[in-house]
Amino acid sequence: MLQVLTIVVVGVMVGVEFAVAFVVNPILAALPGDSGQLGRAHGGRMLGAVMPFWYIGSLVLVAIWAVAGWQRSGNGLTVTAGVLLIVSVIMSVLLLVPINNRSKTWTPDNRPADWKQQGNRWDRLHYVRVAIIIAALALLAGAL
């Protein structure tokens, strides 16, 4: 049961992050005027409030799975998935969250001159994070 719950929680998180990277942000980028920037700011506030709990919760579930299955074959995959999730959390805190914390307060009236470059940097880092968490999910599926 723990393994299924963990894969569902991590899998849905991966799906949300994948959708942000490859569906939501491209849609927002195509909107006219300031709509896209305002949408990203709102998304940053909304997801910024939820994702820390989701990432840490996923990591806790993987850690419990790894400890509970310490002597089982395939546990190396679970531990490696946990390490990848730790990397994604560290990457988020050090690289993505600072950009998100700035951009979620921006409006067309107060955004900095380099707001598009900061958004592009966030996007590039987010693509890397998505690849990392997809790899973690694949390892968890392989550990079943």
N, C-alpha and C. Protein backbone atom coordinates (compact mmCIF):
# COMPACT_ATOMS: atom_id res chain seq x y z
N MET A 1 0.82 -1.19 0.00
CA MET A 1 0.00 0.00 0.00
C MET A 1 0.87 1.27 0.00
N LEU A 2 1.92 1.27 0.81
CA LEU A 2 2.83 2.41 0.88
C LEU A 2 3.46 2.70 -0.48
N GLN A 3 3.86 1.64 -1.17
CA GLN A 3 4.50 1.81 -2.47
C GLN A 3 3.53 2.43 -3.48
N VAL A 4 2.31 1.96 -3.50
CA VAL A 4 1.31 2.49 -4.43
C VAL A 4 1.00 3.95 -4.10
N LEU A 5 0.81 4.25 -2.81
CA LEU A 5 0.55 5.62 -2.40
C LEU A 5 1.71 6.54 -2.81
N THR A 6 2.93 6.08 -2.60
CA THR A 6 4.10 6.88 -2.93
C THR A 6 4.16 7.15 -4.43
N ILE A 7 3.95 6.13 -5.23
CA ILE A 7 4.00 6.30 -6.68
C ILE A 7 2.88 7.23 -7.16
N VAL A 8 1.71 7.13 -6.57
CA VAL A 8 0.62 8.02 -6.96
C VAL A 8 0.95 9.47 -6.59
N VAL A 9 1.43 9.69 -5.37
CA VAL A 9 1.75 11.06 -4.93
C VAL A 9 2.87 11.65 -5.78
N VAL A 10 3.94 10.89 -5.96
CA VAL A 10 5.06 11.37 -6.78
C VAL A 10 4.63 11.52 -8.24
N GLY A 11 3.85 10.57 -8.73
CA GLY A 11 3.40 10.62 -10.12
C GLY A 11 2.53 11.82 -10.43
N VAL A 12 1.62 12.14 -9.53
CA VAL A 12 0.77 13.32 -9.75
C VAL A 12 1.62 14.59 -9.68
N MET A 13 2.58 14.64 -8.75
CA MET A 13 3.48 15.79 -8.67
C MET A 13 4.27 15.94 -9.97
N VAL A 14 4.78 14.85 -10.48
CA VAL A 14 5.50 14.89 -11.76
C VAL A 14 4.58 15.39 -12.86
N GLY A 15 3.35 14.91 -12.88
CA GLY A 15 2.40 15.35 -13.89
C GLY A 15 2.12 16.84 -13.84
N VAL A 16 1.96 17.37 -12.64
CA VAL A 16 1.72 18.81 -12.49
C VAL A 16 2.94 19.59 -12.98
N GLU A 17 4.13 19.19 -12.56
CA GLU A 17 5.34 19.91 -12.96
C GLU A 17 5.58 19.79 -14.46
N PHE A 18 5.29 18.64 -15.03
CA PHE A 18 5.42 18.46 -16.48
C PHE A 18 4.44 19.38 -17.21
N ALA A 19 3.20 19.44 -16.70
CA ALA A 19 2.19 20.30 -17.33
C ALA A 19 2.58 21.77 -17.25
N VAL A 20 3.15 22.18 -16.12
CA VAL A 20 3.61 23.57 -16.00
C VAL A 20 4.65 23.85 -17.07
N ALA A 21 5.62 22.94 -17.21
CA ALA A 21 6.73 23.16 -18.14
C ALA A 21 6.29 23.14 -19.60
N PHE A 22 5.47 22.18 -19.96
CA PHE A 22 5.21 21.94 -21.38
C PHE A 22 3.81 22.30 -21.86
N VAL A 23 2.93 22.72 -20.95
CA VAL A 23 1.57 23.09 -21.35
C VAL A 23 1.23 24.50 -20.85
N VAL A 24 1.23 24.68 -19.54
CA VAL A 24 0.76 25.93 -18.96
C VAL A 24 1.65 27.11 -19.36
N ASN A 25 2.96 26.99 -19.12
CA ASN A 25 3.83 28.14 -19.43
C ASN A 25 3.86 28.48 -20.92
N PRO A 26 3.87 27.50 -21.83
CA PRO A 26 3.77 27.89 -23.24
C PRO A 26 2.44 28.58 -23.59
N ILE A 27 1.36 28.16 -22.95
CA ILE A 27 0.08 28.83 -23.19
C ILE A 27 0.16 30.27 -22.68
N LEU A 28 0.68 30.45 -21.48
CA LEU A 28 0.79 31.80 -20.92
C LEU A 28 1.70 32.68 -21.77
N ALA A 29 2.78 32.09 -22.30
CA ALA A 29 3.70 32.87 -23.14
C ALA A 29 3.03 33.35 -24.42
N ALA A 30 2.02 32.63 -24.89
CA ALA A 30 1.36 32.99 -26.14
C ALA A 30 0.22 34.00 -25.95
N LEU A 31 -0.12 34.31 -24.72
CA LEU A 31 -1.20 35.26 -24.48
C LEU A 31 -0.76 36.68 -24.82
N PRO A 32 -1.70 37.49 -25.25
CA PRO A 32 -1.35 38.87 -25.64
C PRO A 32 -1.09 39.77 -24.43
N GLY A 33 -0.33 40.80 -24.67
CA GLY A 33 -0.09 41.83 -23.66
C GLY A 33 0.56 41.30 -22.41
N ASP A 34 0.06 41.76 -21.29
CA ASP A 34 0.63 41.39 -19.99
C ASP A 34 -0.06 40.18 -19.37
N SER A 35 -0.97 39.57 -20.09
CA SER A 35 -1.74 38.46 -19.53
C SER A 35 -0.86 37.29 -19.10
N GLY A 36 0.12 36.95 -19.92
CA GLY A 36 1.00 35.83 -19.59
C GLY A 36 1.80 36.07 -18.34
N GLN A 37 2.35 37.26 -18.20
CA GLN A 37 3.14 37.58 -17.00
C GLN A 37 2.26 37.58 -15.76
N LEU A 38 1.06 38.11 -15.86
CA LEU A 38 0.13 38.10 -14.74
C LEU A 38 -0.28 36.67 -14.38
N GLY A 39 -0.48 35.84 -15.41
CA GLY A 39 -0.82 34.43 -15.17
C GLY A 39 0.30 33.68 -14.48
N ARG A 40 1.53 33.94 -14.91
CA ARG A 40 2.68 33.28 -14.25
C ARG A 40 2.82 33.74 -12.81
N ALA A 41 2.57 35.01 -12.55
CA ALA A 41 2.65 35.50 -11.17
C ALA A 41 1.60 34.81 -10.30
N HIS A 42 0.38 34.69 -10.84
CA HIS A 42 -0.67 34.01 -10.09
C HIS A 42 -0.34 32.54 -9.88
N GLY A 43 0.15 31.89 -10.93
CA GLY A 43 0.56 30.49 -10.80
C GLY A 43 1.68 30.32 -9.79
N GLY A 44 2.61 31.26 -9.76
CA GLY A 44 3.69 31.21 -8.79
C GLY A 44 3.18 31.31 -7.37
N ARG A 45 2.19 32.14 -7.15
CA ARG A 45 1.60 32.25 -5.81
C ARG A 45 0.86 30.97 -5.44
N MET A 46 0.07 30.48 -6.38
CA MET A 46 -0.76 29.31 -6.11
C MET A 46 0.07 28.05 -5.90
N LEU A 47 0.92 27.74 -6.88
CA LEU A 47 1.73 26.52 -6.77
C LEU A 47 2.85 26.68 -5.74
N GLY A 48 3.33 27.90 -5.57
CA GLY A 48 4.37 28.14 -4.57
C GLY A 48 3.89 27.84 -3.16
N ALA A 49 2.60 27.92 -2.93
CA ALA A 49 2.04 27.60 -1.61
C ALA A 49 1.88 26.10 -1.40
N VAL A 50 1.71 25.34 -2.46
CA VAL A 50 1.40 23.92 -2.36
C VAL A 50 2.63 23.03 -2.57
N MET A 51 3.46 23.38 -3.52
CA MET A 51 4.53 22.48 -3.94
C MET A 51 5.54 22.13 -2.85
N PRO A 52 5.89 23.04 -1.94
CA PRO A 52 6.85 22.62 -0.89
C PRO A 52 6.34 21.43 -0.09
N PHE A 53 5.07 21.42 0.25
CA PHE A 53 4.50 20.30 1.00
C PHE A 53 4.49 19.03 0.16
N TRP A 54 4.21 19.18 -1.14
CA TRP A 54 4.16 18.04 -2.04
C TRP A 54 5.55 17.42 -2.21
N TYR A 55 6.55 18.26 -2.42
CA TYR A 55 7.91 17.74 -2.58
C TYR A 55 8.40 17.07 -1.30
N ILE A 56 8.21 17.74 -0.16
CA ILE A 56 8.67 17.16 1.11
C ILE A 56 7.86 15.92 1.45
N GLY A 57 6.57 15.97 1.22
CA GLY A 57 5.73 14.78 1.46
C GLY A 57 6.15 13.60 0.60
N SER A 58 6.46 13.86 -0.66
CA SER A 58 6.94 12.79 -1.55
C SER A 58 8.24 12.22 -1.03
N LEU A 59 9.13 13.09 -0.61
CA LEU A 59 10.42 12.65 -0.09
C LEU A 59 10.25 11.82 1.18
N VAL A 60 9.36 12.23 2.06
CA VAL A 60 9.09 11.46 3.29
C VAL A 60 8.54 10.08 2.95
N LEU A 61 7.60 10.01 2.01
CA LEU A 61 7.05 8.70 1.62
C LEU A 61 8.14 7.79 1.04
N VAL A 62 9.01 8.35 0.21
CA VAL A 62 10.10 7.55 -0.36
C VAL A 62 11.05 7.09 0.74
N ALA A 63 11.34 7.96 1.70
CA ALA A 63 12.23 7.58 2.81
C ALA A 63 11.62 6.45 3.63
N ILE A 64 10.33 6.53 3.90
CA ILE A 64 9.66 5.46 4.65
C ILE A 64 9.72 4.16 3.85
N TRP A 65 9.47 4.23 2.56
CA TRP A 65 9.54 3.05 1.69
C TRP A 65 10.95 2.47 1.74
N ALA A 66 11.96 3.32 1.64
CA ALA A 66 13.35 2.84 1.65
C ALA A 66 13.71 2.17 2.97
N VAL A 67 13.30 2.76 4.08
CA VAL A 67 13.59 2.19 5.40
C VAL A 67 12.82 0.89 5.59
N ALA A 68 11.56 0.87 5.22
CA ALA A 68 10.73 -0.33 5.38
C ALA A 68 11.23 -1.48 4.52
N GLY A 69 11.83 -1.17 3.39
CA GLY A 69 12.28 -2.22 2.48
C GLY A 69 13.79 -2.37 2.45
N TRP A 70 14.45 -2.00 3.53
CA TRP A 70 15.91 -1.95 3.53
C TRP A 70 16.56 -3.25 3.06
N GLN A 71 16.03 -4.39 3.41
CA GLN A 71 16.63 -5.68 3.06
C GLN A 71 16.11 -6.27 1.75
N ARG A 72 15.18 -5.61 1.12
CA ARG A 72 14.58 -6.14 -0.11
C ARG A 72 15.41 -5.79 -1.34
N SER A 73 15.33 -6.69 -2.33
CA SER A 73 15.99 -6.36 -3.59
C SER A 73 15.21 -5.22 -4.25
N GLY A 74 15.91 -4.41 -4.98
CA GLY A 74 15.27 -3.25 -5.61
C GLY A 74 15.28 -2.02 -4.72
N ASN A 75 15.72 -2.16 -3.48
CA ASN A 75 15.72 -1.00 -2.58
C ASN A 75 16.74 0.05 -3.02
N GLY A 76 17.76 -0.37 -3.74
CA GLY A 76 18.72 0.60 -4.27
C GLY A 76 18.04 1.58 -5.21
N LEU A 77 17.04 1.10 -5.95
CA LEU A 77 16.27 2.00 -6.84
C LEU A 77 15.48 3.01 -6.02
N THR A 78 14.90 2.54 -4.92
CA THR A 78 14.13 3.43 -4.05
C THR A 78 15.04 4.49 -3.43
N VAL A 79 16.19 4.07 -2.94
CA VAL A 79 17.14 5.01 -2.34
C VAL A 79 17.62 6.02 -3.38
N THR A 80 17.91 5.54 -4.58
CA THR A 80 18.36 6.45 -5.64
C THR A 80 17.26 7.44 -6.00
N ALA A 81 16.02 6.97 -6.04
CA ALA A 81 14.89 7.88 -6.29
C ALA A 81 14.83 8.94 -5.19
N GLY A 82 15.04 8.52 -3.95
CA GLY A 82 15.06 9.46 -2.84
C GLY A 82 16.16 10.50 -2.98
N VAL A 83 17.33 10.05 -3.41
CA VAL A 83 18.44 10.98 -3.63
C VAL A 83 18.08 11.99 -4.72
N LEU A 84 17.45 11.52 -5.79
CA LEU A 84 17.03 12.44 -6.86
C LEU A 84 16.00 13.45 -6.35
N LEU A 85 15.09 13.00 -5.51
CA LEU A 85 14.12 13.93 -4.95
C LEU A 85 14.80 14.95 -4.03
N ILE A 86 15.82 14.51 -3.29
CA ILE A 86 16.59 15.45 -2.46
C ILE A 86 17.26 16.48 -3.36
N VAL A 87 17.84 16.03 -4.46
CA VAL A 87 18.47 16.96 -5.41
C VAL A 87 17.43 17.96 -5.93
N SER A 88 16.23 17.47 -6.23
CA SER A 88 15.19 18.38 -6.75
C SER A 88 14.77 19.40 -5.70
N VAL A 89 14.73 19.00 -4.44
CA VAL A 89 14.36 19.93 -3.36
C VAL A 89 15.46 20.97 -3.18
N ILE A 90 16.71 20.52 -3.15
CA ILE A 90 17.83 21.45 -2.99
C ILE A 90 17.87 22.43 -4.17
N MET A 91 17.71 21.89 -5.36
CA MET A 91 17.70 22.73 -6.57
C MET A 91 16.56 23.75 -6.49
N SER A 92 15.41 23.30 -6.04
CA SER A 92 14.26 24.20 -5.93
C SER A 92 14.55 25.33 -4.95
N VAL A 93 15.02 24.98 -3.76
CA VAL A 93 15.25 25.98 -2.72
C VAL A 93 16.33 26.97 -3.13
N LEU A 94 17.41 26.48 -3.72
CA LEU A 94 18.54 27.35 -4.05
C LEU A 94 18.36 28.14 -5.34
N LEU A 95 17.67 27.56 -6.33
CA LEU A 95 17.64 28.17 -7.66
C LEU A 95 16.27 28.64 -8.11
N LEU A 96 15.25 27.83 -7.94
CA LEU A 96 13.94 28.17 -8.49
C LEU A 96 13.09 29.02 -7.56
N VAL A 97 13.08 28.70 -6.28
CA VAL A 97 12.24 29.45 -5.33
C VAL A 97 12.61 30.93 -5.27
N PRO A 98 13.89 31.29 -5.26
CA PRO A 98 14.19 32.73 -5.24
C PRO A 98 13.60 33.49 -6.44
N ILE A 99 13.67 32.88 -7.63
CA ILE A 99 13.07 33.53 -8.80
C ILE A 99 11.56 33.58 -8.65
N ASN A 100 10.97 32.48 -8.21
CA ASN A 100 9.52 32.43 -8.03
C ASN A 100 9.05 33.46 -7.01
N ASN A 101 9.80 33.58 -5.91
CA ASN A 101 9.39 34.53 -4.87
C ASN A 101 9.40 35.97 -5.37
N ARG A 102 10.33 36.27 -6.27
CA ARG A 102 10.33 37.61 -6.86
C ARG A 102 9.19 37.75 -7.86
N SER A 103 9.07 36.80 -8.76
CA SER A 103 8.14 36.94 -9.89
C SER A 103 6.68 36.86 -9.49
N LYS A 104 6.37 36.23 -8.38
CA LYS A 104 4.96 36.12 -7.99
C LYS A 104 4.39 37.45 -7.51
N THR A 105 5.24 38.43 -7.27
CA THR A 105 4.76 39.75 -6.85
C THR A 105 4.74 40.76 -7.98
N TRP A 106 5.22 40.37 -9.15
CA TRP A 106 5.33 41.31 -10.26
C TRP A 106 3.99 41.62 -10.89
N THR A 107 3.87 42.86 -11.27
CA THR A 107 2.76 43.32 -12.09
C THR A 107 3.38 44.08 -13.26
N PRO A 108 2.62 44.42 -14.25
CA PRO A 108 3.19 45.23 -15.34
C PRO A 108 3.79 46.55 -14.85
N ASP A 109 3.34 47.03 -13.71
CA ASP A 109 3.84 48.30 -13.19
C ASP A 109 5.12 48.19 -12.37
N ASN A 110 5.40 47.01 -11.79
CA ASN A 110 6.56 46.93 -10.90
C ASN A 110 7.60 45.88 -11.30
N ARG A 111 7.38 45.19 -12.41
CA ARG A 111 8.33 44.15 -12.79
C ARG A 111 9.66 44.78 -13.24
N PRO A 112 10.76 44.06 -13.01
CA PRO A 112 12.07 44.61 -13.41
C PRO A 112 12.26 44.52 -14.92
N ALA A 113 13.25 45.24 -15.40
CA ALA A 113 13.52 45.26 -16.85
C ALA A 113 13.89 43.87 -17.37
N ASP A 114 14.52 43.04 -16.54
CA ASP A 114 14.96 41.71 -16.99
C ASP A 114 13.97 40.60 -16.61
N TRP A 115 12.70 40.93 -16.45
CA TRP A 115 11.73 39.94 -16.00
C TRP A 115 11.61 38.76 -16.96
N LYS A 116 11.72 39.00 -18.25
CA LYS A 116 11.64 37.88 -19.21
C LYS A 116 12.84 36.97 -19.09
N GLN A 117 14.02 37.53 -18.90
CA GLN A 117 15.24 36.71 -18.73
C GLN A 117 15.14 35.87 -17.46
N GLN A 118 14.61 36.46 -16.39
CA GLN A 118 14.45 35.70 -15.15
C GLN A 118 13.44 34.57 -15.34
N GLY A 119 12.37 34.85 -16.06
CA GLY A 119 11.39 33.80 -16.37
C GLY A 119 11.98 32.70 -17.22
N ASN A 120 12.79 33.06 -18.19
CA ASN A 120 13.45 32.05 -19.04
C ASN A 120 14.43 31.20 -18.23
N ARG A 121 15.16 31.84 -17.30
CA ARG A 121 16.07 31.08 -16.44
C ARG A 121 15.28 30.09 -15.59
N TRP A 122 14.16 30.55 -15.02
CA TRP A 122 13.32 29.66 -14.22
C TRP A 122 12.86 28.48 -15.08
N ASP A 123 12.43 28.76 -16.31
CA ASP A 123 11.96 27.70 -17.20
C ASP A 123 13.06 26.67 -17.46
N ARG A 124 14.27 27.13 -17.77
CA ARG A 124 15.38 26.20 -18.04
C ARG A 124 15.68 25.34 -16.82
N LEU A 125 15.73 25.95 -15.66
CA LEU A 125 15.98 25.19 -14.43
C LEU A 125 14.83 24.22 -14.15
N HIS A 126 13.63 24.65 -14.44
CA HIS A 126 12.46 23.80 -14.22
C HIS A 126 12.50 22.57 -15.14
N TYR A 127 12.96 22.73 -16.37
CA TYR A 127 13.08 21.57 -17.27
C TYR A 127 14.03 20.54 -16.66
N VAL A 128 15.12 21.00 -16.08
CA VAL A 128 16.07 20.08 -15.44
C VAL A 128 15.41 19.39 -14.25
N ARG A 129 14.70 20.17 -13.45
CA ARG A 129 14.01 19.60 -12.28
C ARG A 129 12.98 18.56 -12.73
N VAL A 130 12.24 18.85 -13.78
CA VAL A 130 11.25 17.89 -14.28
C VAL A 130 11.94 16.59 -14.70
N ALA A 131 13.05 16.69 -15.39
CA ALA A 131 13.79 15.49 -15.80
C ALA A 131 14.23 14.68 -14.57
N ILE A 132 14.67 15.37 -13.53
CA ILE A 132 15.11 14.69 -12.31
C ILE A 132 13.96 13.96 -11.65
N ILE A 133 12.81 14.62 -11.52
CA ILE A 133 11.70 13.96 -10.83
C ILE A 133 11.06 12.87 -11.69
N ILE A 134 11.14 13.00 -13.01
CA ILE A 134 10.68 11.90 -13.87
C ILE A 134 11.57 10.68 -13.66
N ALA A 135 12.88 10.91 -13.58
CA ALA A 135 13.80 9.81 -13.33
C ALA A 135 13.50 9.16 -11.98
N ALA A 136 13.21 9.97 -10.96
CA ALA A 136 12.87 9.44 -9.64
C ALA A 136 11.62 8.57 -9.72
N LEU A 137 10.60 9.04 -10.44
CA LEU A 137 9.37 8.28 -10.58
C LEU A 137 9.63 6.96 -11.32
N ALA A 138 10.43 7.00 -12.36
CA ALA A 138 10.75 5.77 -13.10
C ALA A 138 11.47 4.77 -12.20
N LEU A 139 12.38 5.25 -11.37
CA LEU A 139 13.08 4.35 -10.44
C LEU A 139 12.12 3.75 -9.42
N LEU A 140 11.18 4.54 -8.93
CA LEU A 140 10.20 4.00 -7.99
C LEU A 140 9.33 2.94 -8.65
N ALA A 141 8.92 3.18 -9.88
CA ALA A 141 8.13 2.17 -10.61
C ALA A 141 8.96 0.90 -10.81
N GLY A 142 10.24 1.05 -11.08
CA GLY A 142 11.11 -0.12 -11.24
C GLY A 142 11.37 -0.86 -9.94
N ALA A 143 11.22 -0.17 -8.81
CA ALA A 143 11.48 -0.78 -7.51
C ALA A 143 10.31 -1.64 -7.02
N LEU A 144 9.17 -1.55 -7.66
CA LEU A 144 8.02 -2.36 -7.22
C LEU A 144 8.29 -3.84 -7.29
